[in-house]
Amino acid sequence: MNLELLLKSNELSSFLKNLEEGKKQCLFGLNAPEKGIFFSLAKRGIFVASDLVTAEKISAEASALGLENKILTSSFTNLFGIKDNSTFYDFITVILDFLTGKLNGLIVLPEVLFERVPSEEELLSSIIKLNSKLTFDKLIKLLIENGYTRVEQPSRKGQFSVRGDIIDIWSVQNSELIRAMYFGDDLEKLQLVSSDDFSLIEELEHVDIYPAVLKNLTKFNILSFNTNIFYDEPKKLVSEAENFDASLGEDKKLFLSINDVFKSQNSSLTSFNNLLSQTNFFKADSVINFKTSSPKKYLFDYRELVKDINIFVRGGYKVSLFCGSENNKEKLEKFLLENNIHSVKEDHLDAGVRLFSNYLPHSAWLLSLDSIIIGTDDLYKKNITKTSKKQKVFYTPKVGDYVVHELHGVGKCIALTRMKLSDVEKDYFVIEYAGGDKFYLPSEQAGSISAFLGSDTAPKLNKLGGAEFERIKEKVYKNVKELAINLLELYSEREKQKGYKYTEGGYLYDMFEQAFEFEETEDQLSAVNDVISDMEKGKVMDRLICGDVGYGKTEVALRAIYKAIINGKQVAFLCPTTILAEQHFATAKKRFESFMVRLAKLNRLVPEPQVKEIKKKIATGEVDLVIGTHKLLANDVAFKDLGLLVLDEEQRFGVGDKEKIKALKKDIDVLTLSATPIPRTLHMSLSGIRDISIIETPPKERLPIQTFVVEQSEELIVDACKKELARNGQILIVYNRVETIYDFSSRIKELLPDVKIGVAHGKLPQKMLEDTILKLYNGDFQILIATTLIENGVDLPLANTLIVIDSDKLGLSQLYQLRGRIGRSNRLAYAYFTFNGNKVLTEQAYKRLEAIMEFTDLGSGFKIAMRDLEIRGAGNVLGKEQHGHMEKVGYDMYCKLLQDAVKELKGEKVKEKKEIKMDVALSAFIPEDYILSEAERIRRYSEISEISSEDELLNLKSELKEGYGELPEEVENILEIALLKNLCQNEDVKRVLINSQTCKLYLYKKDEIMSERLAKLIEENKDVTVLKFEDVPIIELDLHLSPLDKVKWLINLLKN
């Protein structure tokens, strides 16, 4: 597709000529999609947008037209010039990708223009060219000079390690590691390896490494680059730049002054204006006027499209339809032919109607160019699912943690120690139990312990030996089994019930789906499919949808609601608070505005006369959907034909309301929404006894929250607030002391006298508390000062700055949830966790703050916080009394017991967990000079202990070899022993004894029949096998092999 030929006109020729000659020009009258088209026609350039929404539209349009581009955000984190490394590295990467030609477009916001950068020449010369000419020592020197930190093992960008002749680099622009393998000064191999497991991804010949610092920062900014510059509404840009400049306060010295921002601009300048206005930095030599019109959205309405095409063609316009795929193009072409509209081929660009298979998001009706372009999203909503890589959230116990052993119970891991017994060296986890007793767990059995999670307080240690823990487990198992029986009974009862069978698909439902303005995530579509499938089966639906706020649960509910309504059913949407009811009503009203759905709301804000009228309409069927609080449960609310009940955060309703809900649920479909995550392991345990859909993937538009740990000060609070207020945002300040919260609020009022401030805490009456949150939601407050009760589930799109006072006193999961209150829009959000610099932090508080600093999906802090929240979620799903049982045995053990109970009730075999002793005369451990980090050795021991097949053994060997080099003998040994242990455990082996003279398997069973596999093993190997009976049966093997070969011989025998 040749865009220049498609838009061929005098205006286009003038635009391209001005670009070539470096003239300043103004394009007047264009909308955002058209601006994106002209930006892409320039083939290369920087586009300065006044806000993020415009930036994203321009980026999407230009990308669709083949201009590789990225939005460049500021490298600063907003306060006192604090730089967050990941943000700073992204800044460097995007700039150098542009200068090296990997990108042809940069889209920036005004604040980026204030950032000092080196000249274009200096930036390009700072790239390290890693190839065969670069020696070992020179590479290390260049890395250090360019800001890279030498570490034991790279764990984040901007780090490198040296181990022997291998240099591992986590460059600022890569998500994986670069491995340079030298022999002396000669580069032998260059590889891209996985940052997770060091496995080989790709062999490389050469690679560029971008610097981790920027040097020689002068008065240059990105406008000094030799490229085309595009300004969107210069007058607005100046206003935004002035606001940013005014908000800088003490930070001004770190940035360019507003007078210098536009000084270094390139001479090839283009502005887009809808109001003709001059600015000091931009005076146009040429103005090109365009006549445009606001495009329509057709959304599969081909009849309307045909009508408009006929009007366009009669008016002499060229009509171009971008269908998004060859399949769509063929279908539309067929429909147009049936309606006497003949399309011309793509290469005939001078007349008529033409169809393209290309994807172009938005339409552009360029009347002065005699061209009507209809974009894909306006023809039919693009429905591309986002593939999400599920995070494997696990938490390996470390030294100092409380742990749960499968047989001995709760203890404390106090050390990882190496011991030598009869010339055999091994690492052991030292676990302390009640009374100071110690248990030494061999490292190949690390999988039999898990971190104790499930309680905020230190757990009671069990007695060593297992008898006490066995009694506790039996008691918990009994309760868990009762729970499983109840759930199974409920489930099978509902399965037997005949519900209403909804019709499949349909034109109206398809239209409603297509009208959704965002891109669904994979999880969201999966949840929608689950719900619609339930409704079409004719069973009584009772499904739980779990997902964080803003992850798209409401859209799933709205699709179920619309399906019920077009099938002639009424729907009740029940919320625990007025604010949530108001929020859901606003969302539903907007979503249903083109679909003739009769909506009503019932909460305390609705005047009494209206309430009576609404109740009457509900009874007569004149209301399709009513959204409300507990007022919906009043005795005088009677539905004509209620088909679906949607429950938001059911666990937050009172006991009395829950009883009424139970009565309302009978014989109708129920969809429950919850913002508290539940564990995937629990989800699996409940498979077949509870219908649950989980939405784990954040929306595509969600930007990462910039998180900082800083010393608290009034200057910081004022500065952070001013910066947020400058972009018309709201601020949440968490101050968790009720007795002095009003004193703190008064002080903030003195510091920011013109700002409207609200206060919320748990001692306020419920109505007053709700009103305060509602006022914040409606924009009546700019700052809310509150305790940690900031409501879970409330969407506050304008709140994008969070300041937590004395954050060191709060738990990680609390901090994680508080941080989740902001960053719900497409604006960059900032979270400041502050601590009192005059006080000495406890070791625990210091560790907590350290974890917050790495508060990412991959950080350990995230994993602990998520696990804590999941445990709470498990309590919501299973009932509060089950949380008590969780606290006795720990979360992981509880899930295992629940899984066993469900298996037992389904008639599946539950294997009893038994201890196995591995007496193998081989030193088996991970040496410190092979893996230096103790935490990493523990993690690897956990992985090794779980090896259950030869494939897993080979994969782990390969992973270790790639990551740390050739495997030492001791590591080879532990891998083989771990696999043998797991194979023997499957056969009820109690002890394995292997040395140079002996090879024996001691069995648990004495009176019972031996497993078929072991009997077959003895039969097929009669020449070397003897079965003896002492206290237990013993299989003795006469093998003239080394201990390691005996291990391998047994593995080979048992694996089949």
Foldseek 3Di string as FASTA:
>chain_A
DDVCLLLPDPLLVVLQVLLVVLFEEEEADFDLLVVLVSCLVQVAEEEEDADDVSLVSSCQQSVLVPFFEDEAEAQAQQPPRDGQLLNVLSNLQRVVCCLVVVGRYYYYYLVQLFAFADASVVQVVLKDKFAQVFFQVNVVVSLVVLQADEDCADPDARYWYDFPQWIWHRASNDPFIWIFGDDHGGGDWIFTAHSVQLFTDGTDRIDIGGGSDGPDGDLDGPQLDPRAYEYEAVVSSLLLNVLLQVLCVPVSVNTHHSVSSLVNHGSNYYYYDHDDDDDPNGDGPYYHYFDWDDDAFCAQVVVVVLVVLVVLQVVFAEEEEAAQAPVSQVVSQVVNVVVVAHADDPVPSPHGYHYHPRARAAWIGGVVSSYTYHGNLSNWNDADADDDDDDPQFFFDDAQFWKQFQQFGTWHFHDFDWDADPNFIFTWGWTAAPPRDTDTHTLLQSQRMGGFDQDPDDAHGGDGDRPVVVVLLVVLLVVLLVLLVVLQVVQVVQQPDFADAFDPDDDLLSSLVRPPNAHAYPLLVVLLCLLNVCNNVRTAADEEEEAAFLLCPLVSVLSSLVSQVVRPAAEEEEEAAPLLLVVSQVVNCVSCVVPPAAEEEDEPVDDPVVVVVVQVCQCVVVHRYYGYYLVCLDPSRDHPGHAEYEYEPVVSHDPVSNVSVVVVSPRHHYYYYYNQAADVLLVVLCVPRHHYRYRYDHGPLFDDAAEEEEADDPVRVLSLLSSLVSVPFAEEEADADVVCQVVVVVVVCVVVVVFFEAEAEDVDPPVVNSVRVNCQQVPVGRYYYYHLPPDGNRARARHQEYEYEQLLPDALLSVVRSNSNHRSGSDHGYYYYHRHPVDDRDPSSVVLNVQSSVCDPPTSSVSSSSVNSNLVVVCSVSPVVSSVSCSRRGDVVSSVSSSQSNCVVVVHDDDDQAAAAEAFRHHAAADCSQPVDSVVRSVVSSQLLPDAAVVSLVVSLSSSCSRRNHDDPNHVQSSLSSNLVNLVSVQQFRYFHFAQFWTKTFHPDAPDDGDPLVVVLCVVPVVFWDWDDDVTIMITGGDNDHSSVSSVVSSVSRND
